[in-house]
Amino acid sequence: MIVVMKAHATPDQIGAVVTRVEQAGFQAHRIVGVERTVVACVGEERGKDELQQLEQLPGVDSVMPVLRPFKLASRELHPEGTRVRAGGVEIGGPRVVVMAGPCAVESGPQVLAAARAVKAAGAHMLRGGAFKPRTSPYSFQGLEDEGLLLLERAGREAGLPVVTEVMDTHDIERVAAHCDLLQVGARNAQNFALLRQLGKIDKPVLLKRGMSTRLEEFVMAAEYVLSAGNHQVVLCERGIRTFETATRNTLDLTAVPVLKEWTHLPVVIDPSHGTGVWSLVTPMALAAVAAGADGLLIEVHPQPEQALSDGPQQLRPSRFADLMRALAPVAEAVGRRL
């Protein structure tokens, strides 16, 4: 249920509603909009009749049910789109945010060269993997703590906020100390223990869709973070597993308008993992922006042929610069900018 306050409801009136909601056994989440405040009531449905009585309280405009299973992520609760800030970069506003960098941090010179290249081409954030979840235990697993420090240093030198993946609940604090946006990878999209813990920190989260996760399940995963108290969540479509073998995954661009219709959270696209082929990254990135994506996650490596992971899908710096030039008119055509 959501309690919609009147436009000029006082702080005391809002506080009285929050108190009554909590007394009824629900969690109360205040959502402050441009014109009015909404109080989301999260909990078991059996107490909803008691919530309906809140319409009698001063300052309350109406009490309405949220029809979708995800409550806090629903656009019913938050009609305006959410804007998430990560290291000074706003995701979900008029700018299409481009996060670019190598799949994995391999060395200091490698990640610094990538950072400088993507910055020069116009990227807004530096991405890179310090901890690498791999299908094979014999594949390169990342430089871990050393990689985290190298990534942070490269971002600082290039003047770019950093996004990197966190894989374990025990690593959250140390990863959060060195990056601006914490990524949850596809393999952890329904790691509910990890999602709950990320809901307790004051740092934005980039949540990737699982390789076999339906869109409703994807948003419900975001709900775990939101319900634990962290409302700074960005959704990322990175391709799903289908019967098609021409590409690494099947990039589901219909996810953009569907998620935009269902939820107020920003949506970004990862065409690198979505296709697995560098030559397909640019056309799918252009299509994603045309479809309404709020951002892109692009893999860029100074020497992809020598990459320790996912070399075939990483762009050379010159090709990334070409992509950024091609993106500008597409973004402008749909009322956005780079």
C-alpha atoms as a PDB file:
ATOM      1  CA  MET A   1       0.000   0.000   0.000  1.00  0.00           C
ATOM      2  CA  ILE A   2       1.056   3.630  -0.443  1.00  0.00           C
ATOM      3  CA  VAL A   3      -0.148   6.628   1.526  1.00  0.00           C
ATOM      4  CA  VAL A   4      -0.241   9.733  -0.655  1.00  0.00           C
ATOM      5  CA  MET A   5       0.072  12.902   1.396  1.00  0.00           C
ATOM      6  CA  LYS A   6      -1.543  16.178   0.426  1.00  0.00           C
ATOM      7  CA  ALA A   7       0.634  18.715  -1.338  1.00  0.00           C
ATOM      8  CA  HIS A   8       1.015  20.890   1.769  1.00  0.00           C
ATOM      9  CA  ALA A   9       1.172  18.182   4.419  1.00  0.00           C
ATOM     10  CA  THR A  10       3.354  19.237   7.352  1.00  0.00           C
ATOM     11  CA  PRO A  11       6.346  17.263   8.651  1.00  0.00           C
ATOM     12  CA  ASP A  12       4.364  16.464  11.807  1.00  0.00           C
ATOM     13  CA  GLN A  13       1.479  15.053   9.752  1.00  0.00           C
ATOM     14  CA  ILE A  14       3.873  12.911   7.708  1.00  0.00           C
ATOM     15  CA  GLY A  15       5.574  11.748  10.902  1.00  0.00           C
ATOM     16  CA  ALA A  16       2.222  10.760  12.419  1.00  0.00           C
ATOM     17  CA  VAL A  17       1.478   8.612   9.364  1.00  0.00           C
ATOM     18  CA  VAL A  18       4.897   6.940   9.563  1.00  0.00           C
ATOM     19  CA  THR A  19       4.297   6.140  13.234  1.00  0.00           C
ATOM     20  CA  ARG A  20       0.900   4.586  12.546  1.00  0.00           C
ATOM     21  CA  VAL A  21       2.300   2.537   9.665  1.00  0.00           C
ATOM     22  CA  GLU A  22       5.065   1.141  11.865  1.00  0.00           C
ATOM     23  CA  GLN A  23       2.606   0.444  14.694  1.00  0.00           C
ATOM     24  CA  ALA A  24       0.611  -1.655  12.197  1.00  0.00           C
ATOM     25  CA  GLY A  25       3.692  -3.832  11.664  1.00  0.00           C
ATOM     26  CA  PHE A  26       4.847  -2.384   8.323  1.00  0.00           C
ATOM     27  CA  GLN A  27       8.084  -0.757   7.225  1.00  0.00           C
ATOM     28  CA  ALA A  28       7.521   2.895   6.303  1.00  0.00           C
ATOM     29  CA  HIS A  29       9.569   4.371   3.460  1.00  0.00           C
ATOM     30  CA  ARG A  30       9.219   8.101   2.802  1.00  0.00           C
ATOM     31  CA  ILE A  31       9.442   9.049  -0.874  1.00  0.00           C
ATOM     32  CA  VAL A  32       9.729  12.827  -1.232  1.00  0.00           C
ATOM     33  CA  GLY A  33       8.533  14.004  -4.653  1.00  0.00           C
ATOM     34  CA  VAL A  34       8.533  17.407  -6.299  1.00  0.00           C
ATOM     35  CA  GLU A  35       4.993  18.251  -5.178  1.00  0.00           C
ATOM     36  CA  ARG A  36       4.118  15.764  -2.455  1.00  0.00           C
ATOM     37  CA  THR A  37       5.378  13.001  -0.197  1.00  0.00           C
ATOM     38  CA  VAL A  38       4.388   9.350  -0.452  1.00  0.00           C
ATOM     39  CA  VAL A  39       4.776   6.846   2.383  1.00  0.00           C
ATOM     40  CA  ALA A  40       5.287   3.287   1.144  1.00  0.00           C
ATOM     41  CA  CYS A  41       4.021   0.586   3.502  1.00  0.00           C
ATOM     42  CA  VAL A  42       5.992  -2.624   3.039  1.00  0.00           C
ATOM     43  CA  GLY A  43       4.993  -5.815   4.809  1.00  0.00           C
ATOM     44  CA  GLU A  44       2.531  -8.694   4.804  1.00  0.00           C
ATOM     45  CA  GLU A  45      -0.776  -8.053   3.095  1.00  0.00           C
ATOM     46  CA  ARG A  46      -2.882  -9.198   6.039  1.00  0.00           C
ATOM     47  CA  GLY A  47      -2.668  -5.790   7.731  1.00  0.00           C
ATOM     48  CA  LYS A  48      -3.792  -3.747   4.742  1.00  0.00           C
ATOM     49  CA  ASP A  49      -7.298  -3.086   6.127  1.00  0.00           C
ATOM     50  CA  GLU A  50      -5.759  -1.231   9.050  1.00  0.00           C
ATOM     51  CA  LEU A  51      -3.749   0.873   6.612  1.00  0.00           C
ATOM     52  CA  GLN A  52      -6.900   1.914   4.765  1.00  0.00           C
ATOM     53  CA  GLN A  53      -7.995   3.738   7.933  1.00  0.00           C
ATOM     54  CA  LEU A  54      -5.051   6.123   7.522  1.00  0.00           C
ATOM     55  CA  GLU A  55      -7.172   8.138   5.067  1.00  0.00           C
ATOM     56  CA  GLN A  56      -8.785   9.706   8.160  1.00  0.00           C
ATOM     57  CA  LEU A  57      -5.521  11.241   9.375  1.00  0.00           C
ATOM     58  CA  PRO A  58      -4.766  14.956   8.796  1.00  0.00           C
ATOM     59  CA  GLY A  59      -2.653  15.607   5.697  1.00  0.00           C
ATOM     60  CA  VAL A  60      -3.483  12.304   3.986  1.00  0.00           C
ATOM     61  CA  ASP A  61      -4.857  12.534   0.462  1.00  0.00           C
ATOM     62  CA  SER A  62      -5.421   8.836  -0.302  1.00  0.00           C
ATOM     63  CA  VAL A  63      -4.342   5.273   0.476  1.00  0.00           C
ATOM     64  CA  MET A  64      -3.855   3.019  -2.550  1.00  0.00           C
ATOM     65  CA  PRO A  65      -2.649  -0.525  -3.180  1.00  0.00           C
ATOM     66  CA  VAL A  66       0.461  -1.149  -5.270  1.00  0.00           C
ATOM     67  CA  LEU A  67      -0.622  -3.788  -7.755  1.00  0.00           C
ATOM     68  CA  ARG A  68       2.775  -5.099  -8.800  1.00  0.00           C
ATOM     69  CA  PRO A  69       4.685  -7.559  -6.590  1.00  0.00           C
ATOM     70  CA  PHE A  70       7.626  -5.149  -6.402  1.00  0.00           C
ATOM     71  CA  LYS A  71       6.525  -2.251  -4.235  1.00  0.00           C
ATOM     72  CA  LEU A  72       9.398   0.186  -3.757  1.00  0.00           C
ATOM     73  CA  ALA A  73      10.659  -0.163  -7.332  1.00  0.00           C
ATOM     74  CA  SER A  74       7.215   0.373  -8.842  1.00  0.00           C
ATOM     75  CA  ARG A  75       6.423   3.486 -10.847  1.00  0.00           C
ATOM     76  CA  GLU A  76       3.035   3.465  -9.107  1.00  0.00           C
ATOM     77  CA  LEU A  77       4.888   4.504  -5.970  1.00  0.00           C
ATOM     78  CA  HIS A  78       7.300   6.910  -7.653  1.00  0.00           C
ATOM     79  CA  PRO A  79       5.849   8.340 -10.913  1.00  0.00           C
ATOM     80  CA  GLU A  80       8.950  10.441 -11.573  1.00  0.00           C
ATOM     81  CA  GLY A  81      12.104   8.633 -12.614  1.00  0.00           C
ATOM     82  CA  THR A  82      14.779   8.281  -9.951  1.00  0.00           C
ATOM     83  CA  ARG A  83      18.151   9.922 -10.483  1.00  0.00           C
ATOM     84  CA  VAL A  84      21.062   8.119  -8.874  1.00  0.00           C
ATOM     85  CA  ARG A  85      24.298   9.972  -8.122  1.00  0.00           C
ATOM     86  CA  ALA A  86      27.585   8.071  -8.220  1.00  0.00           C
ATOM     87  CA  GLY A  87      30.774  10.019  -7.596  1.00  0.00           C
ATOM     88  CA  GLY A  88      29.190  13.232  -8.812  1.00  0.00           C
ATOM     89  CA  VAL A  89      27.720  11.641 -11.967  1.00  0.00           C
ATOM     90  CA  GLU A  90      23.923  11.625 -12.252  1.00  0.00           C
ATOM     91  CA  ILE A  91      22.383   8.504 -13.776  1.00  0.00           C
ATOM     92  CA  GLY A  92      18.763   8.793 -14.898  1.00  0.00           C
ATOM     93  CA  GLY A  93      18.780  12.453 -15.884  1.00  0.00           C
ATOM     94  CA  PRO A  94      18.977  14.032 -19.357  1.00  0.00           C
ATOM     95  CA  ARG A  95      22.559  12.824 -19.906  1.00  0.00           C
ATOM     96  CA  VAL A  96      23.267   9.329 -21.246  1.00  0.00           C
ATOM     97  CA  VAL A  97      26.013   8.138 -18.896  1.00  0.00           C
ATOM     98  CA  VAL A  98      28.803   6.076 -20.440  1.00  0.00           C
ATOM     99  CA  MET A  99      30.833   3.797 -18.140  1.00  0.00           C
ATOM    100  CA  ALA A 100      33.847   2.396 -19.956  1.00  0.00           C
ATOM    101  CA  GLY A 101      37.054   0.536 -19.278  1.00  0.00           C
ATOM    102  CA  PRO A 102      38.626  -2.926 -19.356  1.00  0.00           C
ATOM    103  CA  CYS A 103      36.850  -6.123 -18.430  1.00  0.00           C
ATOM    104  CA  ALA A 104      39.568  -6.818 -15.856  1.00  0.00           C
ATOM    105  CA  VAL A 105      42.291  -4.800 -14.215  1.00  0.00           C
ATOM    106  CA  GLU A 106      45.472  -6.546 -15.350  1.00  0.00           C
ATOM    107  CA  SER A 107      48.208  -4.055 -14.409  1.00  0.00           C
ATOM    108  CA  GLY A 108      48.694  -0.442 -13.428  1.00  0.00           C
ATOM    109  CA  PRO A 109      49.814   0.730 -16.887  1.00  0.00           C
ATOM    110  CA  GLN A 110      46.971  -1.177 -18.606  1.00  0.00           C
ATOM    111  CA  VAL A 111      44.142   0.263 -16.522  1.00  0.00           C
ATOM    112  CA  LEU A 112      45.629   3.780 -16.529  1.00  0.00           C
ATOM    113  CA  ALA A 113      45.967   3.729 -20.330  1.00  0.00           C
ATOM    114  CA  ALA A 114      42.332   2.610 -20.609  1.00  0.00           C
ATOM    115  CA  ALA A 115      41.182   5.284 -18.152  1.00  0.00           C
ATOM    116  CA  ARG A 116      42.949   8.070 -20.023  1.00  0.00           C
ATOM    117  CA  ALA A 117      41.606   6.841 -23.365  1.00  0.00           C
ATOM    118  CA  VAL A 118      37.966   6.616 -22.325  1.00  0.00           C
ATOM    119  CA  LYS A 119      38.180   9.972 -20.546  1.00  0.00           C
ATOM    120  CA  ALA A 120      39.573  11.614 -23.682  1.00  0.00           C
ATOM    121  CA  ALA A 121      36.748  10.125 -25.745  1.00  0.00           C
ATOM    122  CA  GLY A 122      34.076  11.506 -23.397  1.00  0.00           C
ATOM    123  CA  ALA A 123      33.233   8.668 -20.973  1.00  0.00           C
ATOM    124  CA  HIS A 124      31.760   9.691 -17.617  1.00  0.00           C
ATOM    125  CA  MET A 125      32.863   6.768 -15.434  1.00  0.00           C
ATOM    126  CA  LEU A 126      35.629   4.147 -15.393  1.00  0.00           C
ATOM    127  CA  ARG A 127      34.626   0.486 -15.160  1.00  0.00           C
ATOM    128  CA  GLY A 128      36.961  -2.393 -14.441  1.00  0.00           C
ATOM    129  CA  GLY A 129      36.947  -5.747 -12.705  1.00  0.00           C
ATOM    130  CA  ALA A 130      39.158  -6.384  -9.681  1.00  0.00           C
ATOM    131  CA  PHE A 131      37.279  -9.491  -8.566  1.00  0.00           C
ATOM    132  CA  LYS A 132      36.317 -11.647 -11.555  1.00  0.00           C
ATOM    133  CA  PRO A 133      33.680 -14.386 -11.291  1.00  0.00           C
ATOM    134  CA  ARG A 134      34.534 -16.886 -14.031  1.00  0.00           C
ATOM    135  CA  THR A 135      32.858 -20.036 -15.303  1.00  0.00           C
ATOM    136  CA  SER A 136      36.124 -21.958 -15.008  1.00  0.00           C
ATOM    137  CA  PRO A 137      38.117 -21.959 -11.755  1.00  0.00           C
ATOM    138  CA  TYR A 138      41.267 -22.055 -13.905  1.00  0.00           C
ATOM    139  CA  SER A 139      40.516 -18.759 -15.673  1.00  0.00           C
ATOM    140  CA  PHE A 140      41.994 -15.430 -14.558  1.00  0.00           C
ATOM    141  CA  GLN A 141      40.144 -14.413 -11.389  1.00  0.00           C
ATOM    142  CA  GLY A 142      41.322 -10.803 -11.192  1.00  0.00           C
ATOM    143  CA  LEU A 143      43.972  -9.039  -9.135  1.00  0.00           C
ATOM    144  CA  GLU A 144      41.492  -8.642  -6.264  1.00  0.00           C
ATOM    145  CA  ASP A 145      42.700  -6.121  -3.638  1.00  0.00           C
ATOM    146  CA  GLU A 146      45.637  -4.986  -5.760  1.00  0.00           C
ATOM    147  CA  GLY A 147      43.324  -4.519  -8.733  1.00  0.00           C
ATOM    148  CA  LEU A 148      40.909  -2.508  -6.618  1.00  0.00           C
ATOM    149  CA  LEU A 149      43.661  -0.080  -5.639  1.00  0.00           C
ATOM    150  CA  LEU A 150      44.970   0.182  -9.201  1.00  0.00           C
ATOM    151  CA  LEU A 151      41.474   0.906 -10.504  1.00  0.00           C
ATOM    152  CA  GLU A 152      40.862   3.594  -7.895  1.00  0.00           C
ATOM    153  CA  ARG A 153      44.234   5.204  -8.665  1.00  0.00           C
ATOM    154  CA  ALA A 154      43.588   5.181 -12.419  1.00  0.00           C
ATOM    155  CA  GLY A 155      40.151   6.716 -11.945  1.00  0.00           C
ATOM    156  CA  ARG A 156      41.576   9.429  -9.730  1.00  0.00           C
ATOM    157  CA  GLU A 157      44.358  10.255 -12.184  1.00  0.00           C
ATOM    158  CA  ALA A 158      41.949  10.367 -15.139  1.00  0.00           C
ATOM    159  CA  GLY A 159      39.287  12.266 -13.204  1.00  0.00           C
ATOM    160  CA  LEU A 160      36.635   9.548 -13.471  1.00  0.00           C
ATOM    161  CA  PRO A 161      34.415   7.976 -10.787  1.00  0.00           C
ATOM    162  CA  VAL A 162      34.800   4.187 -10.601  1.00  0.00           C
ATOM    163  CA  VAL A 163      32.396   1.246 -10.938  1.00  0.00           C
ATOM    164  CA  THR A 164      33.504  -2.278 -10.063  1.00  0.00           C
ATOM    165  CA  GLU A 165      31.968  -5.594  -9.039  1.00  0.00           C
ATOM    166  CA  VAL A 166      31.475  -6.899  -5.530  1.00  0.00           C
ATOM    167  CA  MET A 167      30.977 -10.659  -5.202  1.00  0.00           C
ATOM    168  CA  ASP A 168      30.865 -11.435  -1.494  1.00  0.00           C
ATOM    169  CA  THR A 169      29.154  -9.929   1.539  1.00  0.00           C
ATOM    170  CA  HIS A 170      32.512  -9.892   3.324  1.00  0.00           C
ATOM    171  CA  ASP A 171      34.012  -7.653   0.613  1.00  0.00           C
ATOM    172  CA  ILE A 172      31.336  -4.935   0.574  1.00  0.00           C
ATOM    173  CA  GLU A 173      33.019  -2.473   2.923  1.00  0.00           C
ATOM    174  CA  ARG A 174      36.458  -2.634   1.329  1.00  0.00           C
ATOM    175  CA  VAL A 175      35.086  -2.418  -2.219  1.00  0.00           C
ATOM    176  CA  ALA A 176      32.819   0.489  -1.254  1.00  0.00           C
ATOM    177  CA  ALA A 177      35.825   2.311   0.203  1.00  0.00           C
ATOM    178  CA  HIS A 178      37.549   2.377  -3.189  1.00  0.00           C
ATOM    179  CA  CYS A 179      34.729   2.818  -5.727  1.00  0.00           C
ATOM    180  CA  ASP A 180      31.714   5.021  -6.404  1.00  0.00           C
ATOM    181  CA  LEU A 181      29.239   2.486  -7.806  1.00  0.00           C
ATOM    182  CA  LEU A 182      29.115  -1.154  -6.678  1.00  0.00           C
ATOM    183  CA  GLN A 183      28.208  -3.637  -9.408  1.00  0.00           C
ATOM    184  CA  VAL A 184      26.362  -6.889  -8.772  1.00  0.00           C
ATOM    185  CA  GLY A 185      27.147  -9.253 -11.636  1.00  0.00           C
ATOM    186  CA  ALA A 186      24.782 -11.558 -13.484  1.00  0.00           C
ATOM    187  CA  ARG A 187      25.888 -14.597 -11.469  1.00  0.00           C
ATOM    188  CA  ASN A 188      24.882 -12.829  -8.231  1.00  0.00           C
ATOM    189  CA  ALA A 189      21.644 -11.275  -9.478  1.00  0.00           C
ATOM    190  CA  GLN A 190      19.648 -13.424  -7.046  1.00  0.00           C
ATOM    191  CA  ASN A 191      22.212 -13.691  -4.272  1.00  0.00           C
ATOM    192  CA  PHE A 192      19.731 -12.379  -1.734  1.00  0.00           C
ATOM    193  CA  ALA A 193      22.194 -12.292   1.169  1.00  0.00           C
ATOM    194  CA  LEU A 194      24.484 -10.019  -0.869  1.00  0.00           C
ATOM    195  CA  LEU A 195      21.574  -7.843  -2.022  1.00  0.00           C
ATOM    196  CA  ARG A 196      20.279  -7.374   1.524  1.00  0.00           C
ATOM    197  CA  GLN A 197      23.704  -6.279   2.745  1.00  0.00           C
ATOM    198  CA  LEU A 198      24.071  -3.834  -0.145  1.00  0.00           C
ATOM    199  CA  GLY A 199      20.766  -2.379   0.976  1.00  0.00           C
ATOM    200  CA  LYS A 200      22.404  -1.338   4.250  1.00  0.00           C
ATOM    201  CA  ILE A 201      25.162   0.834   2.775  1.00  0.00           C
ATOM    202  CA  ASP A 202      25.122   4.430   1.616  1.00  0.00           C
ATOM    203  CA  LYS A 203      26.569   3.778  -1.834  1.00  0.00           C
ATOM    204  CA  PRO A 204      24.743   3.273  -5.155  1.00  0.00           C
ATOM    205  CA  VAL A 205      24.380  -0.194  -6.636  1.00  0.00           C
ATOM    206  CA  LEU A 206      24.442  -1.281 -10.293  1.00  0.00           C
ATOM    207  CA  LEU A 207      22.433  -4.500 -10.508  1.00  0.00           C
ATOM    208  CA  LYS A 208      22.916  -6.676 -13.580  1.00  0.00           C
ATOM    209  CA  ARG A 209      20.186  -8.967 -14.878  1.00  0.00           C
ATOM    210  CA  GLY A 210      20.878 -12.664 -14.417  1.00  0.00           C
ATOM    211  CA  MET A 211      21.520 -14.731 -17.524  1.00  0.00           C
ATOM    212  CA  SER A 212      18.228 -16.632 -17.076  1.00  0.00           C
ATOM    213  CA  THR A 213      16.288 -14.079 -15.030  1.00  0.00           C
ATOM    214  CA  ARG A 214      12.835 -12.919 -16.089  1.00  0.00           C
ATOM    215  CA  LEU A 215      12.249  -9.168 -15.888  1.00  0.00           C
ATOM    216  CA  GLU A 216       9.890  -9.470 -12.935  1.00  0.00           C
ATOM    217  CA  GLU A 217      12.486 -11.535 -11.065  1.00  0.00           C
ATOM    218  CA  PHE A 218      15.091  -8.925 -11.981  1.00  0.00           C
ATOM    219  CA  VAL A 219      13.088  -6.085 -10.453  1.00  0.00           C
ATOM    220  CA  MET A 220      12.285  -8.207  -7.405  1.00  0.00           C
ATOM    221  CA  ALA A 221      16.049  -8.607  -6.915  1.00  0.00           C
ATOM    222  CA  ALA A 222      16.329  -4.807  -6.877  1.00  0.00           C
ATOM    223  CA  GLU A 223      13.507  -4.787  -4.338  1.00  0.00           C
ATOM    224  CA  TYR A 224      15.789  -6.621  -1.884  1.00  0.00           C
ATOM    225  CA  VAL A 225      18.231  -3.703  -1.969  1.00  0.00           C
ATOM    226  CA  LEU A 226      15.494  -1.073  -1.787  1.00  0.00           C
ATOM    227  CA  SER A 227      13.606  -2.767   1.051  1.00  0.00           C
ATOM    228  CA  ALA A 228      16.786  -2.885   3.158  1.00  0.00           C
ATOM    229  CA  GLY A 229      17.042   0.913   2.922  1.00  0.00           C
ATOM    230  CA  ASN A 230      19.251   1.723  -0.072  1.00  0.00           C
ATOM    231  CA  HIS A 231      17.201   3.518  -2.733  1.00  0.00           C
ATOM    232  CA  GLN A 232      20.180   4.170  -5.031  1.00  0.00           C
ATOM    233  CA  VAL A 233      19.793   1.307  -7.509  1.00  0.00           C
ATOM    234  CA  VAL A 234      20.544   1.224 -11.244  1.00  0.00           C
ATOM    235  CA  LEU A 235      19.326  -1.694 -13.387  1.00  0.00           C
ATOM    236  CA  CYS A 236      21.562  -3.153 -16.114  1.00  0.00           C
ATOM    237  CA  GLU A 237      20.473  -5.391 -18.998  1.00  0.00           C
ATOM    238  CA  ARG A 238      23.484  -7.463 -20.119  1.00  0.00           C
ATOM    239  CA  GLY A 239      21.965 -10.142 -22.314  1.00  0.00           C
ATOM    240  CA  ILE A 240      20.215 -13.395 -21.478  1.00  0.00           C
ATOM    241  CA  ARG A 241      20.830 -17.015 -22.392  1.00  0.00           C
ATOM    242  CA  THR A 242      18.717 -18.275 -25.310  1.00  0.00           C
ATOM    243  CA  PHE A 243      19.041 -20.960 -27.992  1.00  0.00           C
ATOM    244  CA  GLU A 244      20.917 -18.524 -30.298  1.00  0.00           C
ATOM    245  CA  THR A 245      24.659 -19.199 -30.664  1.00  0.00           C
ATOM    246  CA  ALA A 246      25.689 -16.412 -33.084  1.00  0.00           C
ATOM    247  CA  THR A 247      26.296 -14.106 -30.115  1.00  0.00           C
ATOM    248  CA  ARG A 248      27.509 -14.708 -26.595  1.00  0.00           C
ATOM    249  CA  ASN A 249      24.108 -13.753 -25.176  1.00  0.00           C
ATOM    250  CA  THR A 250      20.870 -12.361 -26.574  1.00  0.00           C
ATOM    251  CA  LEU A 251      20.736  -8.664 -25.736  1.00  0.00           C
ATOM    252  CA  ASP A 252      17.134  -7.936 -24.746  1.00  0.00           C
ATOM    253  CA  LEU A 253      16.569  -4.301 -25.679  1.00  0.00           C
ATOM    254  CA  THR A 254      12.841  -4.651 -25.030  1.00  0.00           C
ATOM    255  CA  ALA A 255      13.901  -4.627 -21.378  1.00  0.00           C
ATOM    256  CA  VAL A 256      14.457  -0.860 -21.615  1.00  0.00           C
ATOM    257  CA  PRO A 257      10.876   0.261 -22.359  1.00  0.00           C
ATOM    258  CA  VAL A 258       9.373  -2.510 -20.220  1.00  0.00           C
ATOM    259  CA  LEU A 259      11.461  -1.612 -17.177  1.00  0.00           C
ATOM    260  CA  LYS A 260      10.829   2.092 -17.775  1.00  0.00           C
ATOM    261  CA  GLU A 261       7.098   1.381 -17.750  1.00  0.00           C
ATOM    262  CA  TRP A 262       7.223  -0.783 -14.642  1.00  0.00           C
ATOM    263  CA  THR A 263       9.803   0.990 -12.496  1.00  0.00           C
ATOM    264  CA  HIS A 264      11.259   4.398 -11.693  1.00  0.00           C
ATOM    265  CA  LEU A 265      14.848   3.102 -11.517  1.00  0.00           C
ATOM    266  CA  PRO A 266      17.460   4.100 -14.129  1.00  0.00           C
ATOM    267  CA  VAL A 267      18.217   1.472 -16.797  1.00  0.00           C
ATOM    268  CA  VAL A 268      21.584   0.984 -18.502  1.00  0.00           C
ATOM    269  CA  ILE A 269      22.695  -1.467 -21.186  1.00  0.00           C
ATOM    270  CA  ASP A 270      25.864  -3.562 -21.450  1.00  0.00           C
ATOM    271  CA  PRO A 271      26.290  -4.344 -25.168  1.00  0.00           C
ATOM    272  CA  SER A 272      29.747  -5.840 -24.592  1.00  0.00           C
ATOM    273  CA  HIS A 273      28.546  -8.835 -22.564  1.00  0.00           C
ATOM    274  CA  GLY A 274      25.227  -8.718 -24.391  1.00  0.00           C
ATOM    275  CA  THR A 275      26.856  -9.637 -27.699  1.00  0.00           C
ATOM    276  CA  GLY A 276      30.378 -10.885 -26.928  1.00  0.00           C
ATOM    277  CA  VAL A 277      31.570  -9.506 -30.287  1.00  0.00           C
ATOM    278  CA  TRP A 278      33.293  -6.131 -30.538  1.00  0.00           C
ATOM    279  CA  SER A 279      31.846  -5.344 -33.979  1.00  0.00           C
ATOM    280  CA  LEU A 280      28.308  -5.595 -32.571  1.00  0.00           C
ATOM    281  CA  VAL A 281      28.904  -3.309 -29.606  1.00  0.00           C
ATOM    282  CA  THR A 282      28.467  -0.015 -31.470  1.00  0.00           C
ATOM    283  CA  PRO A 283      25.200  -0.847 -33.294  1.00  0.00           C
ATOM    284  CA  MET A 284      23.642  -2.251 -30.121  1.00  0.00           C
ATOM    285  CA  ALA A 285      24.820   0.734 -28.073  1.00  0.00           C
ATOM    286  CA  LEU A 286      23.181   3.089 -30.587  1.00  0.00           C
ATOM    287  CA  ALA A 287      19.988   1.023 -30.492  1.00  0.00           C
ATOM    288  CA  ALA A 288      19.985   1.060 -26.683  1.00  0.00           C
ATOM    289  CA  VAL A 289      20.141   4.843 -26.543  1.00  0.00           C
ATOM    290  CA  ALA A 290      17.392   5.076 -29.171  1.00  0.00           C
ATOM    291  CA  ALA A 291      15.273   2.748 -26.998  1.00  0.00           C
ATOM    292  CA  GLY A 292      15.621   5.090 -24.008  1.00  0.00           C
ATOM    293  CA  ALA A 293      18.526   3.667 -21.990  1.00  0.00           C
ATOM    294  CA  ASP A 294      19.938   5.989 -19.328  1.00  0.00           C
ATOM    295  CA  GLY A 295      23.469   4.745 -19.811  1.00  0.00           C
ATOM    296  CA  LEU A 296      25.899   2.258 -21.318  1.00  0.00           C
ATOM    297  CA  LEU A 297      28.538  -0.077 -19.896  1.00  0.00           C
ATOM    298  CA  ILE A 298      31.258  -0.537 -22.519  1.00  0.00           C
ATOM    299  CA  GLU A 299      34.418  -2.628 -22.328  1.00  0.00           C
ATOM    300  CA  VAL A 300      37.552  -0.911 -23.672  1.00  0.00           C
ATOM    301  CA  HIS A 301      41.088  -2.335 -23.606  1.00  0.00           C
ATOM    302  CA  PRO A 302      44.330  -0.798 -24.962  1.00  0.00           C
ATOM    303  CA  GLN A 303      45.245  -4.160 -26.541  1.00  0.00           C
ATOM    304  CA  PRO A 304      42.221  -6.497 -26.663  1.00  0.00           C
ATOM    305  CA  GLU A 305      44.235  -9.286 -28.317  1.00  0.00           C
ATOM    306  CA  GLN A 306      46.313  -9.514 -25.125  1.00  0.00           C
ATOM    307  CA  ALA A 307      43.411  -9.263 -22.667  1.00  0.00           C
ATOM    308  CA  LEU A 308      43.293 -11.858 -19.888  1.00  0.00           C
ATOM    309  CA  SER A 309      39.494 -12.006 -20.087  1.00  0.00           C
ATOM    310  CA  ASP A 310      36.815 -11.293 -22.734  1.00  0.00           C
ATOM    311  CA  GLY A 311      39.201  -9.905 -25.346  1.00  0.00           C
ATOM    312  CA  PRO A 312      36.842 -10.528 -28.320  1.00  0.00           C
ATOM    313  CA  GLN A 313      34.187  -8.146 -26.974  1.00  0.00           C
ATOM    314  CA  GLN A 314      36.435  -5.253 -25.940  1.00  0.00           C
ATOM    315  CA  LEU A 315      36.836  -2.157 -28.086  1.00  0.00           C
ATOM    316  CA  ARG A 316      40.158  -0.563 -28.906  1.00  0.00           C
ATOM    317  CA  PRO A 317      40.338   3.074 -27.739  1.00  0.00           C
ATOM    318  CA  SER A 318      40.042   4.366 -31.315  1.00  0.00           C
ATOM    319  CA  ARG A 319      36.861   2.365 -31.880  1.00  0.00           C
ATOM    320  CA  PHE A 320      35.448   3.580 -28.587  1.00  0.00           C
ATOM    321  CA  ALA A 321      36.093   7.156 -29.690  1.00  0.00           C
ATOM    322  CA  ASP A 322      34.210   6.425 -32.925  1.00  0.00           C
ATOM    323  CA  LEU A 323      31.328   5.024 -30.873  1.00  0.00           C
ATOM    324  CA  MET A 324      31.135   8.161 -28.722  1.00  0.00           C
ATOM    325  CA  ARG A 325      30.996  10.360 -31.822  1.00  0.00           C
ATOM    326  CA  ALA A 326      28.201   8.211 -33.280  1.00  0.00           C
ATOM    327  CA  LEU A 327      26.225   8.286 -30.025  1.00  0.00           C
ATOM    328  CA  ALA A 328      25.899  12.061 -29.804  1.00  0.00           C
ATOM    329  CA  PRO A 329      23.364  12.585 -32.650  1.00  0.00           C
ATOM    330  CA  VAL A 330      21.308   9.534 -31.547  1.00  0.00           C
ATOM    331  CA  ALA A 331      21.090  10.866 -28.002  1.00  0.00           C
ATOM    332  CA  GLU A 332      20.082  14.284 -29.331  1.00  0.00           C
ATOM    333  CA  ALA A 333      17.394  12.714 -31.540  1.00  0.00           C
ATOM    334  CA  VAL A 334      15.670  11.208 -28.489  1.00  0.00           C
ATOM    335  CA  GLY A 335      15.985  14.336 -26.348  1.00  0.00           C
ATOM    336  CA  ARG A 336      19.127  13.314 -24.434  1.00  0.00           C
ATOM    337  CA  ARG A 337      22.781  14.352 -24.471  1.00  0.00           C
ATOM    338  CA  LEU A 338      26.200  12.884 -23.727  1.00  0.00           C
END
